[in-house]
Amino acid sequence: MNSEVKSGQEILDNFFDKIESIEDVDPKISKIISELYKEGALTEARIKNELQQLRIQEKDEVKAN
């Protein structure tokens, strides 16, 4: 049995490394969140801005089709 205790940072790093592969999580959103975390920019404002940009992109894609 592995008795090594992971630090909070290790747990977060592991979670955000795997977030894109979690079932039933939107891959576009999980990618955005993962990238923001890796950049050290995971803030409420940045998440809102990125989600707004995603909505705009998706609307533009729908209009193009």
N, C-alpha and C. Protein backbone atom coordinates (compact mmCIF):
# COMPACT_ATOMS: atom_id res chain seq x y z
N MET A 1 0.84 -1.18 0.00
CA MET A 1 0.00 0.00 0.00
C MET A 1 0.89 1.24 0.00
N ASN A 2 0.53 2.17 -0.83
CA ASN A 2 1.28 3.41 -0.94
C ASN A 2 0.79 4.38 0.13
N SER A 3 1.66 4.75 1.05
CA SER A 3 1.24 5.63 2.15
C SER A 3 1.65 7.08 1.91
N GLU A 4 2.07 7.38 0.69
CA GLU A 4 2.47 8.75 0.37
C GLU A 4 1.25 9.66 0.36
N VAL A 5 1.35 10.76 1.05
CA VAL A 5 0.27 11.73 1.10
C VAL A 5 0.56 12.81 0.07
N LYS A 6 -0.41 13.05 -0.79
CA LYS A 6 -0.22 14.07 -1.83
C LYS A 6 -0.53 15.44 -1.26
N SER A 7 0.18 16.42 -1.77
CA SER A 7 -0.08 17.80 -1.36
C SER A 7 -1.31 18.30 -2.10
N GLY A 8 -1.87 19.38 -1.62
CA GLY A 8 -3.01 19.99 -2.30
C GLY A 8 -2.67 20.36 -3.73
N GLN A 9 -1.47 20.85 -3.95
CA GLN A 9 -1.02 21.23 -5.29
C GLN A 9 -0.97 20.01 -6.21
N GLU A 10 -0.48 18.89 -5.69
CA GLU A 10 -0.41 17.66 -6.50
C GLU A 10 -1.82 17.17 -6.86
N ILE A 11 -2.73 17.27 -5.92
CA ILE A 11 -4.11 16.85 -6.18
C ILE A 11 -4.74 17.72 -7.26
N LEU A 12 -4.55 19.04 -7.15
CA LEU A 12 -5.08 19.95 -8.16
C LEU A 12 -4.45 19.71 -9.53
N ASP A 13 -3.13 19.56 -9.56
CA ASP A 13 -2.45 19.31 -10.83
C ASP A 13 -2.99 18.04 -11.48
N ASN A 14 -3.15 17.01 -10.70
CA ASN A 14 -3.67 15.74 -11.21
C ASN A 14 -5.09 15.90 -11.74
N PHE A 15 -5.93 16.61 -11.00
CA PHE A 15 -7.31 16.83 -11.42
C PHE A 15 -7.37 17.57 -12.75
N PHE A 16 -6.62 18.67 -12.84
CA PHE A 16 -6.69 19.48 -14.05
C PHE A 16 -5.99 18.81 -15.24
N ASP A 17 -5.08 17.90 -14.98
CA ASP A 17 -4.48 17.11 -16.06
C ASP A 17 -5.49 16.13 -16.65
N LYS A 18 -6.42 15.67 -15.83
CA LYS A 18 -7.38 14.64 -16.26
C LYS A 18 -8.78 15.18 -16.54
N ILE A 19 -9.02 16.45 -16.32
CA ILE A 19 -10.38 16.99 -16.43
C ILE A 19 -10.97 16.78 -17.82
N GLU A 20 -10.14 16.83 -18.85
CA GLU A 20 -10.65 16.69 -20.20
C GLU A 20 -11.15 15.27 -20.50
N SER A 21 -10.76 14.30 -19.70
CA SER A 21 -11.17 12.92 -19.94
C SER A 21 -12.32 12.47 -19.04
N ILE A 22 -12.85 13.37 -18.23
CA ILE A 22 -13.96 13.01 -17.34
C ILE A 22 -15.24 12.89 -18.16
N GLU A 23 -15.91 11.77 -17.98
CA GLU A 23 -17.14 11.50 -18.72
C GLU A 23 -18.21 12.54 -18.39
N ASP A 24 -18.97 12.92 -19.38
CA ASP A 24 -20.09 13.86 -19.28
C ASP A 24 -19.66 15.30 -18.99
N VAL A 25 -18.38 15.61 -19.14
CA VAL A 25 -17.91 16.98 -19.02
C VAL A 25 -17.66 17.48 -20.43
N ASP A 26 -18.23 18.64 -20.76
CA ASP A 26 -18.06 19.20 -22.09
C ASP A 26 -16.57 19.36 -22.40
N PRO A 27 -16.10 18.76 -23.48
CA PRO A 27 -14.67 18.80 -23.78
C PRO A 27 -14.14 20.21 -24.04
N LYS A 28 -14.95 21.05 -24.65
CA LYS A 28 -14.49 22.42 -24.93
C LYS A 28 -14.31 23.21 -23.63
N ILE A 29 -15.27 23.06 -22.73
CA ILE A 29 -15.20 23.77 -21.46
C ILE A 29 -14.07 23.23 -20.60
N SER A 30 -13.94 21.91 -20.55
CA SER A 30 -12.87 21.33 -19.73
C SER A 30 -11.49 21.74 -20.25
N LYS A 31 -11.36 21.85 -21.56
CA LYS A 31 -10.08 22.28 -22.14
C LYS A 31 -9.77 23.72 -21.74
N ILE A 32 -10.77 24.58 -21.80
CA ILE A 32 -10.59 25.98 -21.41
C ILE A 32 -10.15 26.06 -19.95
N ILE A 33 -10.84 25.35 -19.07
CA ILE A 33 -10.53 25.40 -17.65
C ILE A 33 -9.14 24.84 -17.37
N SER A 34 -8.80 23.74 -18.03
CA SER A 34 -7.48 23.14 -17.86
C SER A 34 -6.38 24.10 -18.30
N GLU A 35 -6.57 24.74 -19.44
CA GLU A 35 -5.56 25.68 -19.94
C GLU A 35 -5.41 26.88 -19.01
N LEU A 36 -6.53 27.40 -18.51
CA LEU A 36 -6.45 28.53 -17.58
C LEU A 36 -5.70 28.14 -16.31
N TYR A 37 -5.96 26.94 -15.82
CA TYR A 37 -5.25 26.48 -14.63
C TYR A 37 -3.75 26.40 -14.89
N LYS A 38 -3.38 25.81 -16.02
CA LYS A 38 -1.96 25.65 -16.35
C LYS A 38 -1.26 27.01 -16.54
N GLU A 39 -2.01 28.00 -17.00
CA GLU A 39 -1.46 29.35 -17.18
C GLU A 39 -1.40 30.12 -15.86
N GLY A 40 -2.04 29.58 -14.83
CA GLY A 40 -2.11 30.30 -13.55
C GLY A 40 -3.12 31.43 -13.59
N ALA A 41 -4.10 31.28 -14.48
CA ALA A 41 -5.08 32.35 -14.69
C ALA A 41 -6.51 31.87 -14.44
N LEU A 42 -6.68 30.92 -13.56
CA LEU A 42 -7.99 30.36 -13.28
C LEU A 42 -8.72 31.25 -12.28
N THR A 43 -9.33 32.30 -12.83
CA THR A 43 -10.08 33.24 -12.01
C THR A 43 -11.52 33.28 -12.52
N GLU A 44 -12.40 33.77 -11.70
CA GLU A 44 -13.80 33.88 -12.11
C GLU A 44 -13.95 34.73 -13.36
N ALA A 45 -13.25 35.84 -13.40
CA ALA A 45 -13.35 36.75 -14.54
C ALA A 45 -12.86 36.09 -15.82
N ARG A 46 -11.73 35.39 -15.75
CA ARG A 46 -11.19 34.73 -16.95
C ARG A 46 -12.10 33.61 -17.42
N ILE A 47 -12.67 32.85 -16.48
CA ILE A 47 -13.59 31.78 -16.86
C ILE A 47 -14.80 32.38 -17.57
N LYS A 48 -15.37 33.43 -17.01
CA LYS A 48 -16.53 34.08 -17.64
C LYS A 48 -16.19 34.59 -19.03
N ASN A 49 -15.03 35.23 -19.18
CA ASN A 49 -14.63 35.75 -20.48
C ASN A 49 -14.45 34.63 -21.51
N GLU A 50 -13.79 33.57 -21.10
CA GLU A 50 -13.55 32.45 -22.01
C GLU A 50 -14.86 31.76 -22.40
N LEU A 51 -15.77 31.60 -21.45
CA LEU A 51 -17.06 30.98 -21.77
C LEU A 51 -17.87 31.87 -22.71
N GLN A 52 -17.79 33.17 -22.52
CA GLN A 52 -18.47 34.10 -23.42
C GLN A 52 -17.90 33.98 -24.83
N GLN A 53 -16.59 33.89 -24.94
CA GLN A 53 -15.96 33.72 -26.26
C GLN A 53 -16.39 32.40 -26.90
N LEU A 54 -16.50 31.36 -26.11
CA LEU A 54 -16.95 30.07 -26.62
C LEU A 54 -18.38 30.17 -27.15
N ARG A 55 -19.24 30.85 -26.42
CA ARG A 55 -20.63 31.03 -26.88
C ARG A 55 -20.66 31.76 -28.21
N ILE A 56 -19.86 32.80 -28.34
CA ILE A 56 -19.81 33.58 -29.58
C ILE A 56 -19.33 32.70 -30.73
N GLN A 57 -18.28 31.92 -30.50
CA GLN A 57 -17.75 31.03 -31.52
C GLN A 57 -18.80 30.01 -31.96
N GLU A 58 -19.50 29.46 -31.00
CA GLU A 58 -20.52 28.45 -31.32
C GLU A 58 -21.67 29.07 -32.10
N LYS A 59 -22.09 30.28 -31.75
CA LYS A 59 -23.14 30.97 -32.51
C LYS A 59 -22.68 31.23 -33.93
N ASP A 60 -21.43 31.65 -34.09
CA ASP A 60 -20.89 31.90 -35.42
C ASP A 60 -20.83 30.63 -36.24
N GLU A 61 -20.49 29.51 -35.62
CA GLU A 61 -20.45 28.22 -36.31
C GLU A 61 -21.85 27.80 -36.78
N VAL A 62 -22.85 28.05 -35.93
CA VAL A 62 -24.22 27.70 -36.29
C VAL A 62 -24.68 28.56 -37.47
N LYS A 63 -24.36 29.83 -37.43
CA LYS A 63 -24.73 30.73 -38.53
C LYS A 63 -24.04 30.35 -39.83
N ALA A 64 -22.81 29.88 -39.75
CA ALA A 64 -22.04 29.51 -40.94
C ALA A 64 -22.61 28.25 -41.61
N ASN A 65 -23.27 27.41 -40.82
CA ASN A 65 -23.82 26.17 -41.38
C ASN A 65 -25.21 26.41 -41.81
